[in-house]
């Protein structure tokens, strides 16, 4: 069984969180997959962004605010 680090992006409303998780690779058909802790981490980030709690979301990674760009 091997692990590799992957950056996941969680988009909720006008915010995006950049969160690093470990993907577990093995010889099963489920591979690659997240650990239960990393899956909960992504859920916690999504919930924090949904509630507008940027401090809680920032504990897990970088937070970005998306803004519309005027087009001409």
Foldseek 3Di string as FASTA:
>chain_A
DDKDKDWDWDDDDQKIFTAIFIFDADPDPVPGDGDPVVVVLSVQLNVCVNVVNVVSNPVGGDMDGHDDDDDD
